[in-house]
Amino acid sequence: MKEQSSLIKKYFLYFNERFPIAGALLYAGTLFYLAYFSASLFSHYYPINIFRSLSGFVVIFLTLLHLRIFDEHKDYEKDKIAHPDRMLSKGFITLKDLRKLLYAVLIIEAGICIFLGFTAFIVWIMIIIWSYLMFAEFFVPEFLNRNMGLYLFSHQIIVPIILFFGLFQRIDIFRILNHEFQLLFLLCIACTASTITYEIARKTWSKEKEHECADSYTRIWGITKTIIINQIMALLSCICFIFIYSLSNFSLTYTIATLIFYLLFLGTEISFIMQPDKKNSKLVEISGIIYLLGVFLTACIGFCLYH
């Protein structure tokens, strides 16, 4: 009993360090419900089931956790050198401890998906397959590590799969593929580009933060190229969301809100180029979070209220 209590404490401390629960809940919630409510774009005859939607949300939250644990195993040797101060590197928690948690998480995910039905279970299997491919770095780790952009894109393909998981809780897959493929494509691009925007923003570092083992985009691409690529991604997601609102005759309010979040992010990145210090690097990361959650929440509200 004491050993179990000690392990739970380790997990709690590990979450604080590597998997902040509040942030994970926000991202999982906005992404899942954006997908779930987006069914309204394709049909007005699919009711909202609160219990089933909450079950689906739990699956996506746990998916983020199993992805984190996969990453810890994949990057363990590199992280021991690059981040010797982390709990895992210091041995306070072990890979064996994380595997115990991983098995429990996967069993819960599978159980919920079986309850949610055949389509949910099949899409979840797709999530697991892609998670493993990410863990194995698609069996070409050296090639991917030499091509940072391709590495980033390949790992973000899981975002559209998660979108399918949420969307198909309320609508039949064949209806979308046969009639509304344009909207589905725009939604996938918008969400993937938004997530890439945050992923790059959180690794946009000042020179004093860089080190030989750093996996930052600024170390690989340089500051200017990193900012340009990230602005392309942010602008792409912004345009796609606005195009969806336009095609669906949404109120101008949603477009204005999306543009405000984009301009806020643009402003912080311009500040970072002008003065690339630690303070502005942190502001880029924070504004990246705000942009991601802001455009997702705006879409959630719009899709939920759409008639």
C-alpha atoms as a PDB file:
ATOM      1  CA  MET A   1       0.000   0.000   0.000  1.00  0.00           C
ATOM      2  CA  LYS A   2       2.840   2.348   0.881  1.00  0.00           C
ATOM      3  CA  GLU A   3       4.610   1.533  -2.396  1.00  0.00           C
ATOM      4  CA  GLN A   4       1.410   2.247  -4.340  1.00  0.00           C
ATOM      5  CA  SER A   5       0.972   5.560  -2.541  1.00  0.00           C
ATOM      6  CA  SER A   6       4.579   6.474  -3.337  1.00  0.00           C
ATOM      7  CA  LEU A   7       4.033   5.654  -7.025  1.00  0.00           C
ATOM      8  CA  ILE A   8       0.910   7.823  -7.168  1.00  0.00           C
ATOM      9  CA  LYS A   9       2.926  10.676  -5.660  1.00  0.00           C
ATOM     10  CA  LYS A  10       5.592  10.179  -8.330  1.00  0.00           C
ATOM     11  CA  TYR A  11       2.943  10.342 -11.045  1.00  0.00           C
ATOM     12  CA  PHE A  12       1.521  13.511  -9.537  1.00  0.00           C
ATOM     13  CA  LEU A  13       4.970  15.178  -9.516  1.00  0.00           C
ATOM     14  CA  TYR A  14       5.668  13.888 -13.019  1.00  0.00           C
ATOM     15  CA  PHE A  15       2.429  15.410 -14.302  1.00  0.00           C
ATOM     16  CA  ASN A  16       3.410  18.763 -12.809  1.00  0.00           C
ATOM     17  CA  GLU A  17       6.726  18.624 -14.627  1.00  0.00           C
ATOM     18  CA  ARG A  18       5.906  17.024 -17.980  1.00  0.00           C
ATOM     19  CA  PHE A  19       2.137  16.828 -18.404  1.00  0.00           C
ATOM     20  CA  PRO A  20       0.344  19.839 -16.870  1.00  0.00           C
ATOM     21  CA  ILE A  21      -3.176  18.529 -16.447  1.00  0.00           C
ATOM     22  CA  ALA A  22      -4.957  21.886 -16.790  1.00  0.00           C
ATOM     23  CA  GLY A  23      -3.286  22.618 -20.118  1.00  0.00           C
ATOM     24  CA  ALA A  24      -3.889  19.087 -21.412  1.00  0.00           C
ATOM     25  CA  LEU A  25      -7.568  19.284 -20.422  1.00  0.00           C
ATOM     26  CA  LEU A  26      -7.965  22.601 -22.233  1.00  0.00           C
ATOM     27  CA  TYR A  27      -6.314  21.387 -25.422  1.00  0.00           C
ATOM     28  CA  ALA A  28      -8.074  18.005 -25.416  1.00  0.00           C
ATOM     29  CA  GLY A  29     -11.410  19.647 -24.627  1.00  0.00           C
ATOM     30  CA  THR A  30     -11.271  22.361 -27.269  1.00  0.00           C
ATOM     31  CA  LEU A  31      -9.980  19.987 -29.968  1.00  0.00           C
ATOM     32  CA  PHE A  32     -12.475  17.221 -29.204  1.00  0.00           C
ATOM     33  CA  TYR A  33     -15.519  19.482 -28.878  1.00  0.00           C
ATOM     34  CA  LEU A  34     -14.514  21.499 -31.933  1.00  0.00           C
ATOM     35  CA  ALA A  35     -14.663  18.199 -33.842  1.00  0.00           C
ATOM     36  CA  TYR A  36     -17.792  16.991 -32.059  1.00  0.00           C
ATOM     37  CA  PHE A  37     -19.774  20.182 -32.621  1.00  0.00           C
ATOM     38  CA  SER A  38     -18.520  20.551 -36.203  1.00  0.00           C
ATOM     39  CA  ALA A  39     -21.030  17.826 -37.143  1.00  0.00           C
ATOM     40  CA  SER A  40     -23.519  20.714 -37.260  1.00  0.00           C
ATOM     41  CA  LEU A  41     -21.777  21.929 -40.419  1.00  0.00           C
ATOM     42  CA  PHE A  42     -22.708  18.729 -42.208  1.00  0.00           C
ATOM     43  CA  SER A  43     -26.188  18.032 -40.823  1.00  0.00           C
ATOM     44  CA  HIS A  44     -28.638  19.523 -38.313  1.00  0.00           C
ATOM     45  CA  TYR A  45     -30.189  16.206 -37.352  1.00  0.00           C
ATOM     46  CA  TYR A  46     -27.563  14.669 -35.095  1.00  0.00           C
ATOM     47  CA  PRO A  47     -28.315  15.250 -31.383  1.00  0.00           C
ATOM     48  CA  ILE A  48     -25.722  16.027 -28.726  1.00  0.00           C
ATOM     49  CA  ASN A  49     -25.216  13.218 -26.217  1.00  0.00           C
ATOM     50  CA  ILE A  50     -23.489  14.665 -23.160  1.00  0.00           C
ATOM     51  CA  PHE A  51     -22.425  11.342 -21.627  1.00  0.00           C
ATOM     52  CA  ARG A  52     -21.016   9.964 -24.887  1.00  0.00           C
ATOM     53  CA  SER A  53     -19.252  13.228 -25.668  1.00  0.00           C
ATOM     54  CA  LEU A  54     -17.649  13.328 -22.221  1.00  0.00           C
ATOM     55  CA  SER A  55     -16.483   9.738 -22.751  1.00  0.00           C
ATOM     56  CA  GLY A  56     -14.920  10.734 -26.068  1.00  0.00           C
ATOM     57  CA  PHE A  57     -13.260  13.732 -24.449  1.00  0.00           C
ATOM     58  CA  VAL A  58     -11.689  11.445 -21.810  1.00  0.00           C
ATOM     59  CA  VAL A  59     -10.258   9.265 -24.601  1.00  0.00           C
ATOM     60  CA  ILE A  60      -8.597  12.260 -26.254  1.00  0.00           C
ATOM     61  CA  PHE A  61      -7.224  13.514 -22.936  1.00  0.00           C
ATOM     62  CA  LEU A  62      -5.741  10.082 -22.271  1.00  0.00           C
ATOM     63  CA  THR A  63      -4.426  10.011 -25.840  1.00  0.00           C
ATOM     64  CA  LEU A  64      -2.349  13.101 -25.074  1.00  0.00           C
ATOM     65  CA  LEU A  65      -1.002  11.293 -22.023  1.00  0.00           C
ATOM     66  CA  HIS A  66      -0.050   8.129 -23.885  1.00  0.00           C
ATOM     67  CA  LEU A  67       1.659  10.258 -26.547  1.00  0.00           C
ATOM     68  CA  ARG A  68       3.700  11.944 -23.809  1.00  0.00           C
ATOM     69  CA  ILE A  69       4.736   8.572 -22.376  1.00  0.00           C
ATOM     70  CA  PHE A  70       5.679   7.288 -25.832  1.00  0.00           C
ATOM     71  CA  ASP A  71       7.820  10.400 -26.281  1.00  0.00           C
ATOM     72  CA  GLU A  72       9.564   9.804 -22.954  1.00  0.00           C
ATOM     73  CA  HIS A  73      10.588   6.333 -24.104  1.00  0.00           C
ATOM     74  CA  LYS A  74      11.579   7.506 -27.581  1.00  0.00           C
ATOM     75  CA  ASP A  75      13.735  10.408 -26.376  1.00  0.00           C
ATOM     76  CA  TYR A  76      15.039   8.913 -23.137  1.00  0.00           C
ATOM     77  CA  GLU A  77      18.719   8.657 -24.072  1.00  0.00           C
ATOM     78  CA  LYS A  78      18.791  12.118 -25.657  1.00  0.00           C
ATOM     79  CA  ASP A  79      16.894  13.709 -22.765  1.00  0.00           C
ATOM     80  CA  LYS A  80      19.330  12.314 -20.200  1.00  0.00           C
ATOM     81  CA  ILE A  81      21.984  14.492 -21.858  1.00  0.00           C
ATOM     82  CA  ALA A  82      19.843  17.458 -22.893  1.00  0.00           C
ATOM     83  CA  HIS A  83      17.690  17.631 -19.733  1.00  0.00           C
ATOM     84  CA  PRO A  84      19.571  16.007 -16.842  1.00  0.00           C
ATOM     85  CA  ASP A  85      17.441  17.908 -14.307  1.00  0.00           C
ATOM     86  CA  ARG A  86      14.169  16.158 -15.220  1.00  0.00           C
ATOM     87  CA  MET A  87      12.654  13.552 -12.905  1.00  0.00           C
ATOM     88  CA  LEU A  88      13.061  10.764 -15.438  1.00  0.00           C
ATOM     89  CA  SER A  89      16.688  11.640 -16.164  1.00  0.00           C
ATOM     90  CA  LYS A  90      17.475  11.696 -12.425  1.00  0.00           C
ATOM     91  CA  GLY A  91      15.737   8.365 -11.869  1.00  0.00           C
ATOM     92  CA  PHE A  92      13.099   9.742  -9.505  1.00  0.00           C
ATOM     93  CA  ILE A  93      10.576   8.077 -11.797  1.00  0.00           C
ATOM     94  CA  THR A  94      11.516   5.268 -14.189  1.00  0.00           C
ATOM     95  CA  LEU A  95      10.435   4.127 -17.638  1.00  0.00           C
ATOM     96  CA  LYS A  96       9.020   1.019 -15.953  1.00  0.00           C
ATOM     97  CA  ASP A  97       6.829   3.259 -13.777  1.00  0.00           C
ATOM     98  CA  LEU A  98       5.602   5.088 -16.872  1.00  0.00           C
ATOM     99  CA  ARG A  99       4.880   1.815 -18.681  1.00  0.00           C
ATOM    100  CA  LYS A 100       2.598   0.756 -15.825  1.00  0.00           C
ATOM    101  CA  LEU A 101       0.684   3.994 -16.287  1.00  0.00           C
ATOM    102  CA  LEU A 102       0.697   3.552 -20.071  1.00  0.00           C
ATOM    103  CA  TYR A 103      -0.873   0.090 -19.920  1.00  0.00           C
ATOM    104  CA  ALA A 104      -3.618   1.350 -17.612  1.00  0.00           C
ATOM    105  CA  VAL A 105      -4.293   4.325 -19.879  1.00  0.00           C
ATOM    106  CA  LEU A 106      -4.518   2.176 -23.026  1.00  0.00           C
ATOM    107  CA  ILE A 107      -6.891  -0.288 -21.342  1.00  0.00           C
ATOM    108  CA  ILE A 108      -9.183   2.575 -20.261  1.00  0.00           C
ATOM    109  CA  GLU A 109      -9.083   4.098 -23.748  1.00  0.00           C
ATOM    110  CA  ALA A 110      -9.926   0.755 -25.364  1.00  0.00           C
ATOM    111  CA  GLY A 111     -12.776   0.096 -22.924  1.00  0.00           C
ATOM    112  CA  ILE A 112     -14.376   3.486 -23.531  1.00  0.00           C
ATOM    113  CA  CYS A 113     -14.039   3.137 -27.313  1.00  0.00           C
ATOM    114  CA  ILE A 114     -15.685  -0.298 -27.265  1.00  0.00           C
ATOM    115  CA  PHE A 115     -18.552   1.314 -25.374  1.00  0.00           C
ATOM    116  CA  LEU A 116     -18.724   4.155 -27.931  1.00  0.00           C
ATOM    117  CA  GLY A 117     -19.133   1.722 -30.798  1.00  0.00           C
ATOM    118  CA  PHE A 118     -17.461   0.250 -33.847  1.00  0.00           C
ATOM    119  CA  THR A 119     -16.538   3.513 -35.619  1.00  0.00           C
ATOM    120  CA  ALA A 120     -14.995   5.045 -32.496  1.00  0.00           C
ATOM    121  CA  PHE A 121     -13.005   1.879 -31.859  1.00  0.00           C
ATOM    122  CA  ILE A 122     -11.686   1.748 -35.445  1.00  0.00           C
ATOM    123  CA  VAL A 123     -10.611   5.410 -35.360  1.00  0.00           C
ATOM    124  CA  TRP A 124      -8.977   4.794 -31.974  1.00  0.00           C
ATOM    125  CA  ILE A 125      -7.028   1.903 -33.526  1.00  0.00           C
ATOM    126  CA  MET A 126      -5.839   4.393 -36.160  1.00  0.00           C
ATOM    127  CA  ILE A 127      -4.731   6.726 -33.350  1.00  0.00           C
ATOM    128  CA  ILE A 128      -2.792   3.888 -31.705  1.00  0.00           C
ATOM    129  CA  ILE A 129      -1.139   2.882 -34.982  1.00  0.00           C
ATOM    130  CA  TRP A 130      -0.063   6.457 -35.690  1.00  0.00           C
ATOM    131  CA  SER A 131       1.117   6.854 -32.090  1.00  0.00           C
ATOM    132  CA  TYR A 132       3.360   3.821 -32.548  1.00  0.00           C
ATOM    133  CA  LEU A 133       4.662   5.111 -35.886  1.00  0.00           C
ATOM    134  CA  MET A 134       5.534   8.395 -34.173  1.00  0.00           C
ATOM    135  CA  PHE A 135       7.286   6.454 -31.414  1.00  0.00           C
ATOM    136  CA  ALA A 136       9.240   4.466 -34.020  1.00  0.00           C
ATOM    137  CA  GLU A 137       9.871   7.689 -35.967  1.00  0.00           C
ATOM    138  CA  PHE A 138       8.339   5.931 -38.970  1.00  0.00           C
ATOM    139  CA  PHE A 139      11.325   3.548 -39.002  1.00  0.00           C
ATOM    140  CA  VAL A 140      13.542   6.240 -40.539  1.00  0.00           C
ATOM    141  CA  PRO A 141      14.715   8.169 -37.422  1.00  0.00           C
ATOM    142  CA  GLU A 142      17.955   9.499 -38.906  1.00  0.00           C
ATOM    143  CA  PHE A 143      16.197  10.801 -42.018  1.00  0.00           C
ATOM    144  CA  LEU A 144      13.439  12.500 -40.005  1.00  0.00           C
ATOM    145  CA  ASN A 145      15.896  14.061 -37.574  1.00  0.00           C
ATOM    146  CA  ARG A 146      17.761  15.588 -40.516  1.00  0.00           C
ATOM    147  CA  ASN A 147      14.508  17.035 -41.885  1.00  0.00           C
ATOM    148  CA  MET A 148      12.874  18.992 -39.060  1.00  0.00           C
ATOM    149  CA  GLY A 149       9.929  20.197 -41.118  1.00  0.00           C
ATOM    150  CA  LEU A 150       9.003  16.715 -42.281  1.00  0.00           C
ATOM    151  CA  TYR A 151       9.426  15.412 -38.721  1.00  0.00           C
ATOM    152  CA  LEU A 152       7.043  18.080 -37.435  1.00  0.00           C
ATOM    153  CA  PHE A 153       4.433  17.485 -40.127  1.00  0.00           C
ATOM    154  CA  SER A 154       4.505  13.689 -39.797  1.00  0.00           C
ATOM    155  CA  HIS A 155       3.826  13.920 -36.071  1.00  0.00           C
ATOM    156  CA  GLN A 156       0.912  16.330 -36.527  1.00  0.00           C
ATOM    157  CA  ILE A 157      -1.043  13.995 -38.811  1.00  0.00           C
ATOM    158  CA  ILE A 158      -2.536  12.591 -35.620  1.00  0.00           C
ATOM    159  CA  VAL A 159      -4.556  15.821 -35.242  1.00  0.00           C
ATOM    160  CA  PRO A 160      -6.922  15.054 -38.181  1.00  0.00           C
ATOM    161  CA  ILE A 161      -7.324  11.488 -36.885  1.00  0.00           C
ATOM    162  CA  ILE A 162      -8.412  12.909 -33.524  1.00  0.00           C
ATOM    163  CA  LEU A 163     -10.793  15.206 -35.403  1.00  0.00           C
ATOM    164  CA  PHE A 164     -12.363  12.179 -37.084  1.00  0.00           C
ATOM    165  CA  PHE A 165     -12.755  10.529 -33.678  1.00  0.00           C
ATOM    166  CA  GLY A 166     -14.781  13.471 -32.355  1.00  0.00           C
ATOM    167  CA  LEU A 167     -16.735  14.143 -35.534  1.00  0.00           C
ATOM    168  CA  PHE A 168     -17.828  10.553 -36.108  1.00  0.00           C
ATOM    169  CA  GLN A 169     -19.392  10.438 -32.640  1.00  0.00           C
ATOM    170  CA  ARG A 170     -22.277  12.390 -34.164  1.00  0.00           C
ATOM    171  CA  ILE A 171     -22.310  11.864 -37.917  1.00  0.00           C
ATOM    172  CA  ASP A 172     -21.872   9.033 -40.376  1.00  0.00           C
ATOM    173  CA  ILE A 173     -18.507   9.020 -42.156  1.00  0.00           C
ATOM    174  CA  PHE A 174     -20.008   8.328 -45.577  1.00  0.00           C
ATOM    175  CA  ARG A 175     -22.219  11.413 -45.476  1.00  0.00           C
ATOM    176  CA  ILE A 176     -19.163  13.656 -45.128  1.00  0.00           C
ATOM    177  CA  LEU A 177     -17.010  11.889 -47.687  1.00  0.00           C
ATOM    178  CA  ASN A 178     -19.814  11.914 -50.236  1.00  0.00           C
ATOM    179  CA  HIS A 179     -21.129  15.439 -49.777  1.00  0.00           C
ATOM    180  CA  GLU A 180     -19.019  17.785 -47.660  1.00  0.00           C
ATOM    181  CA  PHE A 181     -15.399  16.879 -48.293  1.00  0.00           C
ATOM    182  CA  GLN A 182     -14.380  20.523 -48.821  1.00  0.00           C
ATOM    183  CA  LEU A 183     -15.421  21.560 -45.300  1.00  0.00           C
ATOM    184  CA  LEU A 184     -13.772  18.504 -43.765  1.00  0.00           C
ATOM    185  CA  PHE A 185     -10.529  19.224 -45.617  1.00  0.00           C
ATOM    186  CA  LEU A 186     -10.517  22.865 -44.484  1.00  0.00           C
ATOM    187  CA  LEU A 187     -11.197  21.801 -40.894  1.00  0.00           C
ATOM    188  CA  CYS A 188      -8.298  19.339 -40.925  1.00  0.00           C
ATOM    189  CA  ILE A 189      -5.906  21.941 -42.356  1.00  0.00           C
ATOM    190  CA  ALA A 190      -7.086  24.615 -39.897  1.00  0.00           C
ATOM    191  CA  CYS A 191      -6.634  22.437 -36.806  1.00  0.00           C
ATOM    192  CA  THR A 192      -3.356  20.878 -37.921  1.00  0.00           C
ATOM    193  CA  ALA A 193      -1.838  24.257 -38.827  1.00  0.00           C
ATOM    194  CA  SER A 194      -2.997  25.726 -35.495  1.00  0.00           C
ATOM    195  CA  THR A 195      -1.339  22.909 -33.569  1.00  0.00           C
ATOM    196  CA  ILE A 196       1.854  23.272 -35.607  1.00  0.00           C
ATOM    197  CA  THR A 197       1.803  26.986 -34.801  1.00  0.00           C
ATOM    198  CA  TYR A 198       1.894  26.261 -31.082  1.00  0.00           C
ATOM    199  CA  GLU A 199       4.443  23.473 -31.481  1.00  0.00           C
ATOM    200  CA  ILE A 200       6.867  25.856 -33.213  1.00  0.00           C
ATOM    201  CA  ALA A 201       6.058  28.715 -30.822  1.00  0.00           C
ATOM    202  CA  ARG A 202       6.966  26.674 -27.740  1.00  0.00           C
ATOM    203  CA  LYS A 203      10.376  25.934 -29.225  1.00  0.00           C
ATOM    204  CA  THR A 204      11.162  29.438 -30.477  1.00  0.00           C
ATOM    205  CA  TRP A 205      14.096  30.213 -28.205  1.00  0.00           C
ATOM    206  CA  SER A 206      16.506  33.040 -27.597  1.00  0.00           C
ATOM    207  CA  LYS A 207      20.218  32.380 -28.148  1.00  0.00           C
ATOM    208  CA  GLU A 208      21.040  32.194 -24.439  1.00  0.00           C
ATOM    209  CA  LYS A 209      18.509  29.373 -24.021  1.00  0.00           C
ATOM    210  CA  GLU A 210      19.940  27.277 -26.853  1.00  0.00           C
ATOM    211  CA  HIS A 211      22.425  24.496 -26.227  1.00  0.00           C
ATOM    212  CA  GLU A 212      24.118  21.767 -28.238  1.00  0.00           C
ATOM    213  CA  CYS A 213      21.380  19.190 -27.604  1.00  0.00           C
ATOM    214  CA  ALA A 214      18.470  21.626 -27.990  1.00  0.00           C
ATOM    215  CA  ASP A 215      15.618  20.477 -30.219  1.00  0.00           C
ATOM    216  CA  SER A 216      14.362  24.021 -30.800  1.00  0.00           C
ATOM    217  CA  TYR A 217      13.321  25.183 -34.251  1.00  0.00           C
ATOM    218  CA  THR A 218      15.353  28.349 -33.871  1.00  0.00           C
ATOM    219  CA  ARG A 219      18.545  26.313 -33.448  1.00  0.00           C
ATOM    220  CA  ILE A 220      17.846  24.285 -36.596  1.00  0.00           C
ATOM    221  CA  TRP A 221      16.250  26.935 -38.817  1.00  0.00           C
ATOM    222  CA  GLY A 222      17.443  30.201 -37.288  1.00  0.00           C
ATOM    223  CA  ILE A 223      15.198  32.888 -35.849  1.00  0.00           C
ATOM    224  CA  THR A 224      14.016  34.532 -39.084  1.00  0.00           C
ATOM    225  CA  LYS A 225      13.142  31.296 -40.890  1.00  0.00           C
ATOM    226  CA  THR A 226      11.376  29.937 -37.802  1.00  0.00           C
ATOM    227  CA  ILE A 227       9.205  33.044 -37.503  1.00  0.00           C
ATOM    228  CA  ILE A 228       8.367  33.045 -41.230  1.00  0.00           C
ATOM    229  CA  ILE A 229       7.361  29.373 -41.215  1.00  0.00           C
ATOM    230  CA  ASN A 230       5.289  29.840 -38.084  1.00  0.00           C
ATOM    231  CA  GLN A 231       3.516  32.867 -39.478  1.00  0.00           C
ATOM    232  CA  ILE A 232       2.659  30.900 -42.620  1.00  0.00           C
ATOM    233  CA  MET A 233       1.142  28.172 -40.434  1.00  0.00           C
ATOM    234  CA  ALA A 234      -0.780  30.637 -38.259  1.00  0.00           C
ATOM    235  CA  LEU A 235      -2.064  32.557 -41.276  1.00  0.00           C
ATOM    236  CA  LEU A 236      -3.056  29.307 -43.012  1.00  0.00           C
ATOM    237  CA  SER A 237      -5.095  28.157 -40.021  1.00  0.00           C
ATOM    238  CA  CYS A 238      -6.639  31.615 -39.660  1.00  0.00           C
ATOM    239  CA  ILE A 239      -7.677  31.720 -43.341  1.00  0.00           C
ATOM    240  CA  CYS A 240      -9.108  28.187 -43.226  1.00  0.00           C
ATOM    241  CA  PHE A 241     -11.237  28.932 -40.172  1.00  0.00           C
ATOM    242  CA  ILE A 242     -12.471  32.175 -41.736  1.00  0.00           C
ATOM    243  CA  PHE A 243     -13.255  30.354 -44.997  1.00  0.00           C
ATOM    244  CA  ILE A 244     -15.297  27.769 -43.049  1.00  0.00           C
ATOM    245  CA  TYR A 245     -17.220  30.573 -41.334  1.00  0.00           C
ATOM    246  CA  SER A 246     -17.834  32.244 -44.689  1.00  0.00           C
ATOM    247  CA  LEU A 247     -19.036  29.064 -46.413  1.00  0.00           C
ATOM    248  CA  SER A 248     -21.368  28.338 -43.486  1.00  0.00           C
ATOM    249  CA  ASN A 249     -22.679  31.921 -43.238  1.00  0.00           C
ATOM    250  CA  PHE A 250     -21.430  32.508 -39.712  1.00  0.00           C
ATOM    251  CA  SER A 251     -21.689  35.863 -37.991  1.00  0.00           C
ATOM    252  CA  LEU A 252     -18.775  38.223 -38.684  1.00  0.00           C
ATOM    253  CA  THR A 253     -18.004  38.014 -34.954  1.00  0.00           C
ATOM    254  CA  TYR A 254     -16.184  34.690 -35.389  1.00  0.00           C
ATOM    255  CA  THR A 255     -13.989  36.037 -38.164  1.00  0.00           C
ATOM    256  CA  ILE A 256     -13.107  39.124 -36.117  1.00  0.00           C
ATOM    257  CA  ALA A 257     -12.250  37.016 -33.051  1.00  0.00           C
ATOM    258  CA  THR A 258      -9.992  34.736 -35.132  1.00  0.00           C
ATOM    259  CA  LEU A 259      -8.209  37.736 -36.657  1.00  0.00           C
ATOM    260  CA  ILE A 260      -7.639  39.261 -33.211  1.00  0.00           C
ATOM    261  CA  PHE A 261      -5.981  36.066 -31.964  1.00  0.00           C
ATOM    262  CA  TYR A 262      -3.816  35.973 -35.095  1.00  0.00           C
ATOM    263  CA  LEU A 263      -2.761  39.628 -34.810  1.00  0.00           C
ATOM    264  CA  LEU A 264      -1.862  39.126 -31.150  1.00  0.00           C
ATOM    265  CA  PHE A 265       0.383  36.225 -32.098  1.00  0.00           C
ATOM    266  CA  LEU A 266       1.883  38.172 -35.013  1.00  0.00           C
ATOM    267  CA  GLY A 267       2.717  41.073 -32.700  1.00  0.00           C
ATOM    268  CA  THR A 268       4.635  38.926 -30.227  1.00  0.00           C
ATOM    269  CA  GLU A 269       6.634  37.256 -32.982  1.00  0.00           C
ATOM    270  CA  ILE A 270       7.552  40.633 -34.461  1.00  0.00           C
ATOM    271  CA  SER A 271       8.699  41.699 -30.985  1.00  0.00           C
ATOM    272  CA  PHE A 272      10.841  38.569 -30.752  1.00  0.00           C
ATOM    273  CA  ILE A 273      12.546  39.282 -34.093  1.00  0.00           C
ATOM    274  CA  MET A 274      13.284  42.840 -32.995  1.00  0.00           C
ATOM    275  CA  GLN A 275      14.546  41.707 -29.581  1.00  0.00           C
ATOM    276  CA  PRO A 276      15.154  37.930 -29.414  1.00  0.00           C
ATOM    277  CA  ASP A 277      15.625  37.600 -25.661  1.00  0.00           C
ATOM    278  CA  LYS A 278      14.226  35.164 -23.074  1.00  0.00           C
ATOM    279  CA  LYS A 279      11.328  37.432 -22.171  1.00  0.00           C
ATOM    280  CA  ASN A 280      10.057  37.723 -25.738  1.00  0.00           C
ATOM    281  CA  SER A 281      10.696  34.018 -26.325  1.00  0.00           C
ATOM    282  CA  LYS A 282       8.358  33.250 -23.428  1.00  0.00           C
ATOM    283  CA  LEU A 283       5.809  35.716 -24.798  1.00  0.00           C
ATOM    284  CA  VAL A 284       5.875  33.899 -28.147  1.00  0.00           C
ATOM    285  CA  GLU A 285       5.158  30.608 -26.372  1.00  0.00           C
ATOM    286  CA  ILE A 286       2.317  32.132 -24.332  1.00  0.00           C
ATOM    287  CA  SER A 287       0.781  33.852 -27.348  1.00  0.00           C
ATOM    288  CA  GLY A 288       1.065  30.555 -29.250  1.00  0.00           C
ATOM    289  CA  ILE A 289      -1.019  28.894 -26.539  1.00  0.00           C
ATOM    290  CA  ILE A 290      -3.524  31.755 -26.609  1.00  0.00           C
ATOM    291  CA  TYR A 291      -3.779  31.566 -30.405  1.00  0.00           C
ATOM    292  CA  LEU A 292      -4.308  27.801 -30.431  1.00  0.00           C
ATOM    293  CA  LEU A 293      -6.906  27.739 -27.649  1.00  0.00           C
ATOM    294  CA  GLY A 294      -8.495  30.973 -28.847  1.00  0.00           C
ATOM    295  CA  VAL A 295      -9.214  29.848 -32.411  1.00  0.00           C
ATOM    296  CA  PHE A 296     -10.298  26.387 -31.205  1.00  0.00           C
ATOM    297  CA  LEU A 297     -12.669  27.830 -28.600  1.00  0.00           C
ATOM    298  CA  THR A 298     -14.081  30.315 -31.115  1.00  0.00           C
ATOM    299  CA  ALA A 299     -14.785  27.447 -33.509  1.00  0.00           C
ATOM    300  CA  CYS A 300     -16.286  25.342 -30.695  1.00  0.00           C
ATOM    301  CA  ILE A 301     -18.752  28.064 -29.809  1.00  0.00           C
ATOM    302  CA  GLY A 302     -19.586  28.777 -33.435  1.00  0.00           C
ATOM    303  CA  PHE A 303     -20.151  25.126 -34.339  1.00  0.00           C
ATOM    304  CA  CYS A 304     -22.191  24.494 -31.180  1.00  0.00           C
ATOM    305  CA  LEU A 305     -24.528  27.425 -31.861  1.00  0.00           C
ATOM    306  CA  TYR A 306     -24.731  26.838 -35.622  1.00  0.00           C
ATOM    307  CA  HIS A 307     -28.228  26.109 -36.960  1.00  0.00           C
END
